[in-house]
Protein backbone atom coordinates (compact mmCIF):
# COMPACT_ATOMS: atom_id res chain seq x y z
CA MET A 1 3.61 21.86 31.06
CA VAL A 2 5.08 23.63 28.04
CA ARG A 3 7.65 21.90 25.85
CA PHE A 4 9.30 23.16 22.68
CA LEU A 5 10.14 21.20 19.54
CA VAL A 6 13.23 22.87 18.09
CA PRO A 7 14.88 21.80 14.85
CA PHE A 8 18.52 20.71 15.21
CA TYR A 9 18.73 21.84 18.87
CA ARG A 10 21.96 20.76 20.55
CA GLY A 11 21.54 22.36 23.99
CA ASP A 12 20.55 20.86 27.32
CA ASP A 13 17.30 22.67 28.23
CA PRO A 14 14.95 19.89 29.50
CA ASP A 15 11.91 21.69 28.06
CA VAL A 16 13.32 21.57 24.53
CA ILE A 17 12.93 18.45 22.42
CA PRO A 18 15.30 18.38 19.45
CA VAL A 19 13.85 17.34 16.11
CA PHE A 20 15.77 16.79 12.91
CA GLU A 21 13.54 17.92 10.08
CA SER A 22 13.21 21.00 7.93
CA SER A 23 10.51 23.39 9.10
CA ALA A 24 9.02 23.05 5.61
CA THR A 25 8.00 19.52 6.60
CA PHE A 26 7.27 20.15 10.27
CA GLN A 27 4.76 17.29 10.41
CA GLY A 28 7.71 15.00 11.07
CA TYR A 29 8.40 16.82 14.35
CA PHE A 30 5.52 15.05 16.10
CA ALA A 31 6.59 11.54 15.18
CA GLN A 32 10.17 12.27 16.20
CA ALA A 33 9.16 13.82 19.54
CA GLN A 34 6.54 11.21 20.40
CA ARG A 35 8.64 9.32 22.95
CA SER A 36 9.50 12.54 24.78
CA LEU A 37 5.95 13.91 24.72
CA LEU A 38 3.70 11.03 25.68
CA MET A 39 3.01 10.99 29.41
CA PRO A 40 0.20 9.14 31.22
CA ASP A 41 -0.91 12.18 33.24
CA ILE A 42 -1.34 14.47 30.19
CA SER A 43 -4.88 14.53 28.77
CA HIS A 44 -4.43 16.80 25.74
CA TYR A 45 -1.60 18.12 23.59
CA VAL A 46 -1.58 21.42 21.74
CA PHE A 47 0.86 22.12 18.93
CA VAL A 48 1.27 25.81 18.13
CA ALA A 49 3.38 26.68 15.12
CA ASP A 50 5.93 29.48 15.24
CA ASP A 51 3.76 31.63 12.96
CA LEU A 52 0.63 31.36 15.11
CA LEU A 53 -0.37 33.47 18.07
CA LEU A 54 -2.29 31.76 20.84
CA ASN A 55 -4.88 33.90 22.60
CA PRO A 56 -3.23 34.99 25.88
CA MET A 57 -6.45 34.20 27.76
CA VAL A 58 -6.01 30.51 26.86
CA ASN A 59 -3.63 28.42 28.95
CA GLU A 60 -3.01 24.83 30.03
CA HIS A 61 -5.75 25.09 32.68
CA ASN A 62 -8.62 26.26 30.44
CA LEU A 63 -7.70 25.15 26.92
CA ALA A 64 -9.76 21.93 26.85
CA ALA A 65 -12.83 23.75 28.19
CA SER A 66 -12.31 26.66 25.77
CA LEU A 67 -12.26 24.25 22.82
CA ARG A 68 -15.07 22.14 24.34
CA LEU A 69 -12.88 19.04 24.19
CA GLN A 70 -14.14 15.86 25.80
CA PRO A 71 -11.63 13.82 27.86
CA ASP A 72 -11.03 11.46 24.94
CA GLY A 73 -11.55 14.03 22.16
CA GLY A 74 -9.42 16.34 20.10
CA TYR A 75 -9.42 18.80 17.25
CA THR A 76 -7.68 18.47 13.91
CA LYS A 77 -8.55 20.65 10.94
CA TYR A 78 -8.23 17.71 8.54
CA LEU A 79 -6.13 14.64 7.80
CA GLN A 80 -5.21 13.43 4.35
CA PRO A 81 -3.55 10.08 3.70
CA PHE A 82 -0.28 10.29 1.82
CA SER A 83 -1.61 7.73 -0.65
CA SER A 84 -4.17 10.29 -1.83
CA VAL A 85 -1.61 13.04 -2.47
CA THR A 86 -0.73 13.68 -6.10
CA SER A 87 2.75 14.39 -7.41
CA ARG A 88 1.66 18.01 -7.93
CA TRP A 89 1.94 18.56 -4.16
CA THR A 90 4.87 20.93 -3.49
CA HIS A 91 6.62 18.56 -1.08
CA PHE A 92 5.91 15.27 -2.88
CA ASN A 93 9.44 14.52 -4.16
CA ARG A 94 11.13 15.74 -0.98
CA THR A 95 8.85 13.53 1.10
CA LEU A 96 9.60 10.46 -0.98
CA ARG A 97 13.35 11.12 -0.66
CA ALA A 98 13.04 11.51 3.11
CA LEU A 99 11.16 8.24 3.41
CA ARG A 100 13.89 6.44 1.47
CA PHE A 101 16.92 8.02 3.13
CA ASP A 102 17.45 10.74 5.68
CA GLU A 103 20.73 11.02 7.54
CA PHE A 104 19.00 12.33 10.69
CA VAL A 105 15.80 10.30 10.92
CA ASN A 106 15.05 6.64 10.36
CA ALA A 107 11.57 7.19 8.87
CA ARG A 108 10.87 3.47 8.43
CA ALA A 109 11.31 2.86 12.17
CA LEU A 110 8.94 5.74 13.00
CA LEU A 111 6.24 4.48 10.64
CA ARG A 112 6.07 0.93 12.06
């Protein structure tokens, strides 16, 4: 199954999940789309950014084997807690503002 997370989408395509976040802070897409993405019969999720090309030989049938993923495993390059980010990070102030008030997303509800 292929689904698309599209910022500010207002159409009715069932394979498109609208998200309300700037592409500069695309990490918020996943939290916003969580309720539409999580399904009991899906074992792995792959997020491919719009500036990345996925090898055409890889598809939903062979991706887990190609990446040598175990049934309960996954791959993430790295995770960094927000508490360890310094104010020198490019998006620091914008992120703090979004957490306090965003007219499209209730960040506090998503973080609970």
